[in-house]
Structures are given as structure tokens and as C-alpha cells.
């Protein structure tokens, strides 16, 4: 992705626009008003020093990217806003799908504070009640029969747990989809179908096959050659793959094929789950029950990293019988499980899934309207489901240009790691009318600036 610095004449917007607000969505979102920093805290002001520290201790590539984006450091957040060390605030429509509840949701923050004050990490010798309650709360919302929860620290660890669980059943062949993304640790990387990330680390896991996404015939051919020894991993919507939405019935066909050929079905909902698509899980749209469900990102409540592998009793049996077969020192820590438990409860109380279902179409319609003048030229397609929206461009360069234009105007979004022509939006479900109006106004201005720069 080519990323050029924004033009010096670009206007930077730091607050809601003065235009008329869009109609409100039901139920109403919690307030996202800015608050003062906690007493006794100070924000770093020496931005060049932060870049220099990155250069010396974290990596030159990240330091260069930070400098191109203005050298700003994020130091505070709440709701839909991120604040930087130079006093600006940014509307966050990115976050790679983590912030479905917004930043620092008060109920999650309170639960985490309470856990820190009592018992943040466990001995792992005795039973730990917070993990048990968090597992119960999460399982209450997973598809029927997915009752066993294995908490981990990140999405890629959830993928690793699923791959090992399949191996424990003797399923040594793995089928993944092209452009699928499931993490970057060694096992997860083996099923993340992108040569850019895979090639430097080969050889990866053996007997991994890639099939076309949204192509049941291709999957069946692969399964027929691996009867009774395969594990299939798939996303309901490919997020990093560029918000690729399969045709209706695809997941049901995948489920049926896995049953017919004796394969374990792992559905990766690390990005699409927890209400992101306007339902608790992407599989809910077709009533599909996988053998294993991967959960992450939104489970954190935007406060503490936590993820999970959730499985049926039959699939989970090897891990259930031997609790030491797959373990992690920090997995299912009380502090992380307190965040997960508070997140699920807050989503229930605030009806977050319904809010996402109502808000998503409004944002998608607004984005399509703003992009309409560029359709067939700069913009190829706008697509989305719920609060996962992609803008596909005719040229890869446009993604970097627009991303920087938006940053210069006070809005954060994401690119797509496995689809370099797609700009990805993952707004929180707490976006209010003024923030939505600001985003659409800013997107329109950024598109004009991008079009001018690419044609001038």
C-alpha cells in the first residue's frame, strides 16, 4: 500500500460538524463526550522523542509509518474518541474490530478495576471463579451445544488452540480459504492465506490446502481427497480479505459438506462475532452450528485483551479429559475474564447487538451516498454487513491516500491486510448522530482530496 503524506493545505477537523444530524437509531447510544484526563496524569508532549524510541527499540518500519502519519502518539480514549499528545482527538472508525463497545466502556473498566484490587492473576493451582462465570455468560450466547470455553489472550492463540484440538482428534489435514486471515503465530499463519506473511517463515504446518472462498464445489473436492482427516476453518465474512460477503447459504453448505466427509468445522468469528455483523455471530444468519467457534476482539470490551475457543462437548473432549494438554500461564486470567464477563453483561443490558443491526445499514447507506460520485472511477464497490464495511478502490494507492487524508481530518480507519485495495470500517455500536454526521462529512472531503491528488 502506497502511503504519501497528506497535502499541507488539508483542513483538519477535530470535532463534530455543524451540519444537521442524521436521524437517531434505536436504542440510543451511550454518551461519547470527551472527559478530562484522570487527576495526576500527564500526556507526553515530545512526539519526535516517541518516534525516536520506536526507531531505537521497536522497529524502523513502525517508526517510519508513525512519522508519515504525523508522528502523533495516542494517550487517552473514551467512547468513539482517541486523544493524542498534541491535543487533538480522532473519531475511531477503525480499531480492527476491537471496539464494538467503544473505548473504555465504563462497566468493563469498573469490573477490571475491581478485579485488579482483589485478584488480577491466578495461581493456576486452585479453581478460579471469574473464568467459570465468564465462560457461562459467553456460552449463553453461542449457538446451541457450544458450551465449552477455552480462554486465551489473543485471536491467533484461539486459532492455535483449534488447530491443536483438531490434531487431538487425529485430523491432521487443514483446509482454509484464499484471502482468509486467522492470525500470524506459526500454526495460525499456516492457515492465513497470504504469501507475504507466510513465505519468510516456511516451512509451515504440513498438509494445508487453500480453497476458493464462497465456492462449495472447490471445498468438496478438497474434502473428498481428505475424508475423515480434515479440519476446515472459515470466516462468515472475510474481514482482512476485504469484507468479502459470501452468497446466502454458503455457510450451511460448508456445514453439510463437513458432516458428509467427516471434517471438523472451525468458524473464525474473532472479527465478525460479538455483534459486529448485527447478530451475535455471523453463523446466526443461517442457523449454522460449527464444532468450534473462535471469539476475540470485541470480547475484550475494548479494555483487556482476551479471546476464546468455544467448542461442543464432542469436539472439546480431548481438552476436557486432560486439562494440561493445552495450557497458557496467562490464559483465563481473572483480570481478562472479568473484562469478558462485564462485556457480555453490558452487551445484554444495552442491547448492543440490536444497536449494531440498526446502525450498520445507516452507515452503509451513508457511505454509499458519499462514494456515489466516484463509483465506476476511483471507487469500485462499497459493501458491508452490520458494522463491518469495506470500500474497494480501483487502485491500491487510493487506500493509502484516503487513509492519510482521513487521519489529517481527524478520523481513523483501517486498511485490509489481505486485500490491499479495500479500506475497512469497523465503527463502534456507540456511534451517536453527531459522530456519524462528522464521519460522513469528513469522508466526503477526504474522497475529494484523494481524487484531486491522484488526478493532479
Protein backbone atom coordinates (compact mmCIF):
# COMPACT_ATOMS: atom_id res chain seq x y z
CA UNK A 1 0.00 0.00 0.00
CA UNK A 2 1.46 3.34 -1.04
CA UNK A 3 1.06 5.97 1.67
CA UNK A 4 2.01 9.55 0.84
CA UNK A 5 1.88 12.39 3.37
CA UNK A 6 -1.34 14.44 3.26
CA UNK A 7 -1.24 17.75 1.45
CA UNK A 8 -0.28 20.75 3.57
CA UNK A 9 -3.44 22.60 2.62
CA UNK A 10 -5.74 19.97 4.13
CA UNK A 11 -8.16 21.21 6.77
CA UNK A 12 -8.05 19.25 10.00
CA UNK A 13 -11.38 18.66 11.67
CA UNK A 14 -11.32 17.95 15.42
CA UNK A 15 -14.96 17.99 16.43
CA UNK A 16 -18.47 17.27 15.18
CA UNK A 17 -19.55 19.20 12.11
CA UNK A 18 -22.08 21.99 12.27
CA UNK A 19 -24.34 20.29 9.73
CA UNK A 20 -27.64 18.66 10.50
CA UNK A 21 -27.50 15.35 12.32
CA UNK A 22 -28.80 12.10 10.84
CA UNK A 23 -31.98 10.57 12.29
CA UNK A 24 -31.35 8.79 15.57
CA UNK A 25 -31.16 4.98 15.76
CA UNK A 26 -32.88 2.90 18.42
CA UNK A 27 -31.84 2.12 21.05
CA UNK A 28 -29.91 5.34 21.70
CA UNK A 29 -26.17 5.06 22.17
CA UNK A 30 -24.38 5.96 25.42
CA UNK A 31 -22.74 9.36 25.56
CA UNK A 32 -19.31 9.65 23.94
CA UNK A 33 -18.49 13.13 25.25
CA UNK A 34 -14.84 13.85 25.91
CA UNK A 35 -13.69 13.76 29.53
CA UNK A 36 -10.64 15.25 31.23
CA UNK A 37 -7.61 13.05 31.94
CA UNK A 38 -7.55 11.39 35.37
CA UNK A 39 -6.07 13.54 38.12
CA UNK A 40 -2.32 13.23 38.46
CA UNK A 41 -1.70 12.06 34.91
CA UNK A 42 0.14 13.93 32.20
CA UNK A 43 0.28 13.32 28.48
CA UNK A 44 3.68 13.09 26.79
CA UNK A 45 4.35 16.08 24.57
CA UNK A 46 7.68 15.25 22.93
CA UNK A 47 6.38 13.49 19.81
CA UNK A 48 9.74 13.31 17.99
CA UNK A 49 11.12 11.52 21.05
CA UNK A 50 8.39 8.86 20.79
CA UNK A 51 9.28 8.29 17.14
CA UNK A 52 12.95 8.07 18.11
CA UNK A 53 12.16 5.48 20.80
CA UNK A 54 10.25 3.42 18.25
CA UNK A 55 13.20 3.69 15.88
CA UNK A 56 15.68 2.54 18.54
CA UNK A 57 13.67 -0.11 20.39
CA UNK A 58 10.56 -1.24 18.48
CA UNK A 59 11.37 -1.10 14.79
CA UNK A 60 12.33 1.22 11.96
CA UNK A 61 9.32 0.29 9.81
CA UNK A 62 6.82 1.20 12.51
CA UNK A 63 8.73 4.41 13.26
CA UNK A 64 8.62 5.47 9.62
CA UNK A 65 4.89 4.73 9.40
CA UNK A 66 4.30 6.78 12.54
CA UNK A 67 6.25 9.70 11.14
CA UNK A 68 4.32 9.59 7.84
CA UNK A 69 1.07 9.70 9.79
CA UNK A 70 2.18 12.82 11.64
CA UNK A 71 4.24 11.42 14.50
CA UNK A 72 1.30 11.67 16.90
CA UNK A 73 1.01 9.35 19.90
CA UNK A 74 -2.35 8.25 21.26
CA UNK A 75 -2.56 8.82 25.00
CA UNK A 76 -6.22 8.68 26.03
CA UNK A 77 -9.54 7.32 24.80
CA UNK A 78 -13.22 7.09 25.60
CA UNK A 79 -16.29 6.04 23.65
CA UNK A 80 -15.71 6.78 19.96
CA UNK A 81 -12.72 9.07 20.52
CA UNK A 82 -8.94 8.73 20.74
CA UNK A 83 -6.86 11.67 22.02
CA UNK A 84 -3.26 12.36 21.02
CA UNK A 85 -0.34 14.02 22.76
CA UNK A 86 -0.68 17.19 20.68
CA UNK A 87 -4.18 17.88 21.99
CA UNK A 88 -6.18 16.56 19.03
CA UNK A 89 -8.94 14.00 19.13
CA UNK A 90 -9.79 11.42 16.49
CA UNK A 91 -13.05 9.70 15.68
CA UNK A 92 -12.25 5.99 15.71
CA UNK A 93 -13.95 4.02 12.94
CA UNK A 94 -11.09 1.52 12.92
CA UNK A 95 -9.53 -0.45 15.75
CA UNK A 96 -9.57 -3.66 13.66
CA UNK A 97 -12.95 -4.64 15.10
CA UNK A 98 -11.97 -4.49 18.76
CA UNK A 99 -14.10 -1.59 19.93
CA UNK A 100 -17.70 -2.71 19.35
CA UNK A 101 -18.43 -1.23 22.80
CA UNK A 102 -16.27 1.82 22.20
CA UNK A 103 -13.14 2.64 24.17
CA UNK A 104 -13.05 2.13 27.93
CA UNK A 105 -16.67 1.11 28.39
CA UNK A 106 -17.40 2.20 31.99
CA UNK A 107 -18.89 -1.12 33.11
CA UNK A 108 -15.89 -3.05 31.81
CA UNK A 109 -13.41 -0.57 33.28
CA UNK A 110 -15.15 -0.82 36.66
CA UNK A 111 -15.06 -4.62 36.60
CA UNK A 112 -11.38 -4.66 35.69
CA UNK A 113 -10.52 -2.13 38.41
CA UNK A 114 -12.40 -4.26 40.94
CA UNK A 115 -10.52 -7.37 39.81
CA UNK A 116 -7.15 -5.61 40.00
CA UNK A 117 -7.95 -4.56 43.55
CA UNK A 118 -8.76 -8.14 44.56
CA UNK A 119 -7.07 -10.83 42.45
CA UNK A 120 -5.75 -9.93 38.94
CA UNK A 121 -3.76 -13.10 38.21
CA UNK A 122 -4.34 -16.65 39.40
CA UNK A 123 -2.08 -19.33 40.86
CA UNK A 124 -3.50 -21.82 38.34
CA UNK A 125 -3.50 -24.42 41.12
CA UNK A 126 -6.95 -23.73 42.57
CA UNK A 127 -10.23 -23.16 40.77
CA UNK A 128 -10.83 -19.56 39.63
CA UNK A 129 -14.47 -18.39 39.76
CA UNK A 130 -14.30 -15.41 37.38
CA UNK A 131 -13.26 -17.63 34.48
CA UNK A 132 -16.12 -20.01 35.23
CA UNK A 133 -18.69 -17.19 35.30
CA UNK A 134 -17.29 -15.63 32.14
CA UNK A 135 -17.47 -19.00 30.34
CA UNK A 136 -21.08 -19.42 31.45
CA UNK A 137 -22.01 -15.92 30.26
CA UNK A 138 -20.36 -16.39 26.86
CA UNK A 139 -21.79 -19.87 26.30
CA UNK A 140 -25.27 -18.48 26.94
CA UNK A 141 -24.99 -16.63 23.61
CA UNK A 142 -23.11 -19.11 21.42
CA UNK A 143 -25.01 -21.48 19.09
CA UNK A 144 -26.70 -24.35 20.98
CA UNK A 145 -24.28 -27.04 22.08
CA UNK A 146 -21.18 -24.85 22.05
CA UNK A 147 -20.78 -24.98 25.81
CA UNK A 148 -17.07 -25.46 26.47
CA UNK A 149 -14.91 -22.33 26.60
CA UNK A 150 -11.12 -22.23 26.45
CA UNK A 151 -9.94 -18.68 27.20
CA UNK A 152 -6.73 -17.38 25.65
CA UNK A 153 -5.06 -13.99 25.26
CA UNK A 154 -5.48 -13.24 21.56
CA UNK A 155 -7.27 -14.31 18.41
CA UNK A 156 -4.26 -16.07 16.95
CA UNK A 157 -3.98 -18.14 20.14
CA UNK A 158 -7.62 -19.15 19.70
CA UNK A 159 -6.75 -20.38 16.20
CA UNK A 160 -3.77 -22.30 17.57
CA UNK A 161 -5.99 -23.96 20.17
CA UNK A 162 -8.47 -25.02 17.47
CA UNK A 163 -5.74 -26.48 15.26
CA UNK A 164 -4.33 -28.45 18.18
CA UNK A 165 -7.79 -29.66 19.14
CA UNK A 166 -8.27 -30.97 15.61
CA UNK A 167 -4.92 -32.76 15.85
CA UNK A 168 -6.04 -34.33 19.12
CA UNK A 169 -8.87 -35.91 17.13
CA UNK A 170 -6.43 -37.21 14.52
CA UNK A 171 -7.45 -34.58 11.95
CA UNK A 172 -4.06 -33.66 10.53
CA UNK A 173 -5.17 -32.08 7.25
CA UNK A 174 -6.37 -28.47 7.30
CA UNK A 175 -8.44 -26.70 4.65
CA UNK A 176 -8.53 -22.91 4.65
CA UNK A 177 -9.83 -20.30 2.20
CA UNK A 178 -7.90 -17.98 -0.07
CA UNK A 179 -7.62 -14.49 1.43
CA UNK A 180 -8.64 -15.91 4.80
CA UNK A 181 -6.96 -14.41 7.85
CA UNK A 182 -6.61 -16.31 11.13
CA UNK A 183 -3.51 -14.88 12.82
CA UNK A 184 0.26 -14.80 12.48
CA UNK A 185 1.69 -17.23 15.01
CA UNK A 186 3.19 -20.25 13.28
CA UNK A 187 0.16 -22.54 13.23
CA UNK A 188 -2.34 -19.75 12.59
CA UNK A 189 -0.08 -18.34 9.89
CA UNK A 190 -0.26 -21.68 8.13
CA UNK A 191 -3.97 -21.06 7.51
CA UNK A 192 -3.66 -17.31 6.88
CA UNK A 193 -3.59 -17.41 3.10
CA UNK A 194 -1.18 -14.62 2.25
CA UNK A 195 2.25 -15.38 0.82
CA UNK A 196 3.59 -12.01 2.02
CA UNK A 197 3.36 -13.19 5.62
CA UNK A 198 3.91 -16.90 5.04
CA UNK A 199 6.99 -17.03 2.79
CA UNK A 200 9.59 -15.75 5.30
CA UNK A 201 8.61 -18.47 7.78
CA UNK A 202 8.26 -21.55 5.63
CA UNK A 203 8.05 -24.46 6.08
CA UNK A 204 4.79 -24.03 7.97
CA UNK A 205 2.34 -26.74 9.05
CA UNK A 206 2.17 -29.57 6.52
CA UNK A 207 -0.93 -30.67 4.64
CA UNK A 208 -2.68 -27.29 4.49
CA UNK A 209 -4.88 -26.74 1.44
CA UNK A 210 -6.35 -23.47 0.22
CA UNK A 211 -9.74 -23.43 -1.50
CA UNK A 212 -11.72 -20.57 -3.02
CA UNK A 213 -13.96 -18.66 -0.62
CA UNK A 214 -17.70 -18.91 -1.31
CA UNK A 215 -17.11 -21.95 -3.55
CA UNK A 216 -18.66 -25.14 -2.09
CA UNK A 217 -17.62 -27.19 -5.13
CA UNK A 218 -13.95 -26.38 -4.57
CA UNK A 219 -14.30 -27.25 -0.89
CA UNK A 220 -16.00 -30.55 -1.67
CA UNK A 221 -13.20 -31.57 -4.00
CA UNK A 222 -10.65 -30.91 -1.24
CA UNK A 223 -12.71 -32.73 1.37
CA UNK A 224 -13.23 -35.77 -0.87
CA UNK A 225 -9.47 -36.24 -1.06
CA UNK A 226 -9.17 -35.95 2.75
CA UNK A 227 -12.17 -37.87 4.02
CA UNK A 228 -12.29 -38.29 7.83
CA UNK A 229 -8.99 -36.48 8.39
CA UNK A 230 -9.67 -32.79 7.72
CA UNK A 231 -10.35 -29.66 9.67
CA UNK A 232 -11.99 -26.75 7.81
CA UNK A 233 -11.52 -23.17 9.02
CA UNK A 234 -13.61 -20.37 7.53
CA UNK A 235 -14.89 -16.84 8.30
CA UNK A 236 -18.58 -15.88 7.91
CA UNK A 237 -17.34 -12.68 6.23
CA UNK A 238 -13.69 -12.25 5.31
CA UNK A 239 -12.59 -9.14 7.19
CA UNK A 240 -8.91 -8.80 6.35
CA UNK A 241 -9.81 -10.33 3.00
CA UNK A 242 -11.58 -7.08 2.11
CA UNK A 243 -15.06 -7.52 3.67
CA UNK A 244 -15.92 -10.35 1.30
CA UNK A 245 -19.52 -11.40 1.93
CA UNK A 246 -20.47 -14.88 0.69
CA UNK A 247 -23.72 -15.70 -1.04
CA UNK A 248 -26.65 -16.76 1.18
CA UNK A 249 -26.46 -20.44 2.06
CA UNK A 250 -22.67 -20.73 1.79
CA UNK A 251 -22.07 -21.49 5.46
CA UNK A 252 -24.90 -24.03 5.51
CA UNK A 253 -23.29 -25.79 2.55
CA UNK A 254 -19.91 -25.78 4.29
CA UNK A 255 -21.52 -27.31 7.39
CA UNK A 256 -23.23 -30.02 5.33
CA UNK A 257 -20.04 -30.86 3.45
CA UNK A 258 -18.05 -31.17 6.68
CA UNK A 259 -20.64 -33.59 8.05
CA UNK A 260 -20.66 -35.61 4.84
CA UNK A 261 -16.87 -36.01 4.74
CA UNK A 262 -16.16 -36.36 8.47
CA UNK A 263 -14.43 -32.98 8.87
CA UNK A 264 -14.31 -30.68 11.89
CA UNK A 265 -15.73 -27.23 11.16
CA UNK A 266 -13.99 -24.27 12.81
CA UNK A 267 -15.69 -20.91 12.24
CA UNK A 268 -13.45 -17.92 12.92
CA UNK A 269 -15.64 -15.19 14.44
CA UNK A 270 -12.73 -13.30 16.01
CA UNK A 271 -13.66 -10.22 13.99
CA UNK A 272 -17.24 -10.95 12.91
CA UNK A 273 -18.62 -12.09 16.27
CA UNK A 274 -19.83 -10.24 19.37
CA UNK A 275 -22.43 -8.27 17.41
CA UNK A 276 -20.15 -6.93 14.69
CA UNK A 277 -22.43 -8.18 11.87
CA UNK A 278 -25.65 -7.18 13.61
CA UNK A 279 -26.11 -10.64 15.13
CA UNK A 280 -24.21 -12.22 18.00
CA UNK A 281 -22.37 -14.39 15.47
CA UNK A 282 -22.09 -14.44 11.71
CA UNK A 283 -23.30 -18.07 11.69
CA UNK A 284 -26.60 -16.97 13.23
CA UNK A 285 -27.85 -15.70 9.87
CA UNK A 286 -28.07 -19.31 8.64
CA UNK A 287 -28.51 -21.13 11.94
CA UNK A 288 -25.20 -22.96 11.49
CA UNK A 289 -23.59 -24.69 14.46
CA UNK A 290 -19.85 -25.24 13.99
CA UNK A 291 -17.84 -27.72 16.02
CA UNK A 292 -15.56 -24.90 17.16
CA UNK A 293 -16.16 -21.14 17.32
CA UNK A 294 -13.30 -18.66 17.64
CA UNK A 295 -14.02 -15.48 19.61
CA UNK A 296 -11.89 -12.38 20.21
CA UNK A 297 -11.56 -8.63 19.64
CA UNK A 298 -14.96 -7.43 20.89
CA UNK A 299 -14.84 -9.86 23.84
CA UNK A 300 -12.30 -7.52 25.41
CA UNK A 301 -14.81 -4.71 25.87
CA UNK A 302 -12.05 -2.50 24.49
CA UNK A 303 -10.18 -2.77 27.80
CA UNK A 304 -8.20 -6.01 28.34
CA UNK A 305 -7.02 -8.45 25.63
CA UNK A 306 -8.93 -11.73 25.78
CA UNK A 307 -10.12 -14.32 23.28
CA UNK A 308 -11.62 -17.78 23.38
CA UNK A 309 -12.12 -21.06 21.59
CA UNK A 310 -15.64 -22.38 22.21
CA UNK A 311 -16.49 -25.98 21.31
CA UNK A 312 -19.12 -28.68 21.52
CA UNK A 313 -18.70 -31.40 24.14
CA UNK A 314 -17.67 -33.91 21.47
CA UNK A 315 -15.11 -31.60 19.88
CA UNK A 316 -13.71 -30.42 23.21
CA UNK A 317 -13.40 -33.92 24.72
CA UNK A 318 -9.58 -34.25 24.47
CA UNK A 319 -9.02 -30.92 26.25
CA UNK A 320 -11.78 -31.69 28.75
CA UNK A 321 -10.24 -35.01 29.77
CA UNK A 322 -6.71 -33.65 30.18
CA UNK A 323 -6.60 -30.03 31.42
CA UNK A 324 -2.83 -29.91 30.87
CA UNK A 325 -2.90 -30.91 27.22
CA UNK A 326 -3.02 -27.27 26.10
CA UNK A 327 -2.33 -24.55 28.66
CA UNK A 328 -1.08 -20.98 29.00
CA UNK A 329 0.18 -19.17 32.08
CA UNK A 330 -1.94 -16.10 31.40
CA UNK A 331 -4.85 -17.78 29.64
CA UNK A 332 -8.15 -17.32 31.50
CA UNK A 333 -6.55 -14.82 33.88
CA UNK A 334 -9.02 -13.27 36.34
CA UNK A 335 -8.43 -9.75 35.00
CA UNK A 336 -9.11 -10.78 31.38
CA UNK A 337 -12.13 -12.89 32.31
CA UNK A 338 -13.51 -10.02 34.39
CA UNK A 339 -13.38 -7.89 31.24
CA UNK A 340 -15.05 -10.63 29.17
CA UNK A 341 -17.79 -11.19 31.75
CA UNK A 342 -18.51 -7.47 32.07
CA UNK A 343 -18.57 -7.10 28.28
CA UNK A 344 -21.16 -9.83 27.78
CA UNK A 345 -23.33 -8.44 30.57
CA UNK A 346 -23.07 -4.88 29.25
CA UNK A 347 -24.00 -6.07 25.76
CA UNK A 348 -27.07 -7.76 27.20
CA UNK A 349 -28.12 -4.71 29.22
CA UNK A 350 -27.54 -2.20 26.41
CA UNK A 351 -28.81 -4.43 23.59
CA UNK A 352 -25.60 -3.83 21.68
CA UNK A 353 -26.38 -6.40 19.01
CA UNK A 354 -29.69 -4.71 18.15
CA UNK A 355 -27.96 -1.34 18.08
CA UNK A 356 -25.35 -2.69 15.66
CA UNK A 357 -28.11 -4.16 13.49
CA UNK A 358 -29.85 -0.76 13.31
CA UNK A 359 -26.73 1.39 12.96
CA UNK A 360 -24.92 -0.70 10.35
CA UNK A 361 -27.36 -0.12 7.46
CA UNK A 362 -27.45 3.62 8.21
CA UNK A 363 -23.68 3.87 7.98
CA UNK A 364 -23.52 1.67 4.88
CA UNK A 365 -26.17 3.78 3.14
CA UNK A 366 -24.37 6.97 4.11
CA UNK A 367 -21.01 5.69 2.87
CA UNK A 368 -22.54 4.58 -0.42
CA UNK A 369 -24.13 8.01 -0.91
CA UNK A 370 -20.84 9.78 -0.22
CA UNK A 371 -18.94 7.42 -2.57
CA UNK A 372 -21.56 7.58 -5.34
CA UNK A 373 -19.87 10.43 -7.31
CA UNK A 374 -16.71 8.30 -7.56
CA UNK A 375 -18.41 5.00 -8.41
CA UNK A 376 -17.02 3.44 -11.56
CA UNK A 377 -13.88 5.54 -11.30
CA UNK A 378 -11.97 5.89 -8.05
CA UNK A 379 -14.39 3.59 -6.16
CA UNK A 380 -15.28 0.12 -7.39
CA UNK A 381 -17.70 -1.04 -4.69
CA UNK A 382 -18.98 -0.32 -1.20
CA UNK A 383 -20.14 -3.41 0.70
CA UNK A 384 -20.79 -4.42 4.26
CA UNK A 385 -22.82 -6.25 6.84
CA UNK A 386 -23.61 -4.74 10.21
CA UNK A 387 -20.69 -2.67 11.45
CA UNK A 388 -18.14 -4.22 9.09
CA UNK A 389 -17.91 -2.14 5.91
CA UNK A 390 -15.39 -2.11 3.06
CA UNK A 391 -14.71 0.47 0.35
CA UNK A 392 -12.96 -1.16 -2.60
CA UNK A 393 -10.95 1.12 -4.88
CA UNK A 394 -9.81 0.72 -8.46
CA UNK A 395 -6.19 1.33 -7.46
CA UNK A 396 -4.22 0.19 -4.42
CA UNK A 397 -2.69 3.64 -4.00
CA UNK A 398 -6.09 5.14 -3.20
CA UNK A 399 -6.33 3.22 0.06
CA UNK A 400 -3.17 4.77 1.48
CA UNK A 401 -4.04 8.20 0.15
CA UNK A 402 -7.55 8.16 1.63
CA UNK A 403 -6.36 6.72 4.93
CA UNK A 404 -3.92 9.62 5.31
CA UNK A 405 -6.49 12.16 4.18
CA UNK A 406 -8.87 10.90 6.87
CA UNK A 407 -6.18 10.99 9.55
CA UNK A 408 -5.35 14.58 8.62
CA UNK A 409 -9.02 15.41 9.17
CA UNK A 410 -9.35 13.61 12.49
CA UNK A 411 -10.77 10.18 11.55
CA UNK A 412 -9.14 6.77 11.98
CA UNK A 413 -9.93 3.77 9.75
CA UNK A 414 -8.08 0.59 8.70
CA UNK A 415 -6.68 -0.99 5.59
CA UNK A 416 -7.21 -4.72 4.89
CA UNK A 417 -4.13 -6.89 5.26
CA UNK A 418 -5.23 -9.49 2.69
CA UNK A 419 -6.88 -7.09 0.25
CA UNK A 420 -4.78 -4.04 -0.47
CA UNK A 421 -7.48 -2.20 -2.44
CA UNK A 422 -10.04 -2.21 0.39
CA UNK A 423 -10.38 0.40 3.12
CA UNK A 424 -12.16 -1.14 6.10
CA UNK A 425 -14.54 0.49 8.57
CA UNK A 426 -15.29 -1.14 11.92
CA UNK A 427 -17.16 1.57 13.85
CA UNK A 428 -18.38 1.01 17.41
CA UNK A 429 -22.02 0.43 18.18
CA UNK A 430 -21.97 3.55 20.41
CA UNK A 431 -21.66 5.99 17.48
CA UNK A 432 -24.11 8.85 18.00
CA UNK A 433 -25.72 11.14 15.44
CA UNK A 434 -23.12 13.91 15.62
CA UNK A 435 -20.24 11.45 15.25
CA UNK A 436 -21.91 9.78 12.26
CA UNK A 437 -22.56 13.15 10.65
CA UNK A 438 -18.94 14.12 11.25
CA UNK A 439 -17.68 10.88 9.74
CA UNK A 440 -19.73 11.13 6.54
CA UNK A 441 -18.86 14.81 6.06
CA UNK A 442 -15.17 14.07 6.62
CA UNK A 443 -15.24 11.05 4.31
CA UNK A 444 -16.68 13.20 1.54
CA UNK A 445 -13.96 15.82 1.96
CA UNK A 446 -11.25 13.15 2.13
CA UNK A 447 -12.52 11.48 -1.05
CA UNK A 448 -12.40 14.82 -2.88
CA UNK A 449 -8.86 15.40 -1.65
CA UNK A 450 -7.80 11.89 -2.65
CA UNK A 451 -9.34 12.21 -6.11
CA UNK A 452 -7.65 15.57 -6.65
CA UNK A 453 -4.25 14.26 -5.57
CA UNK A 454 -4.45 11.12 -7.68
CA UNK A 455 -5.51 13.00 -10.81
CA UNK A 456 -3.36 16.09 -10.27
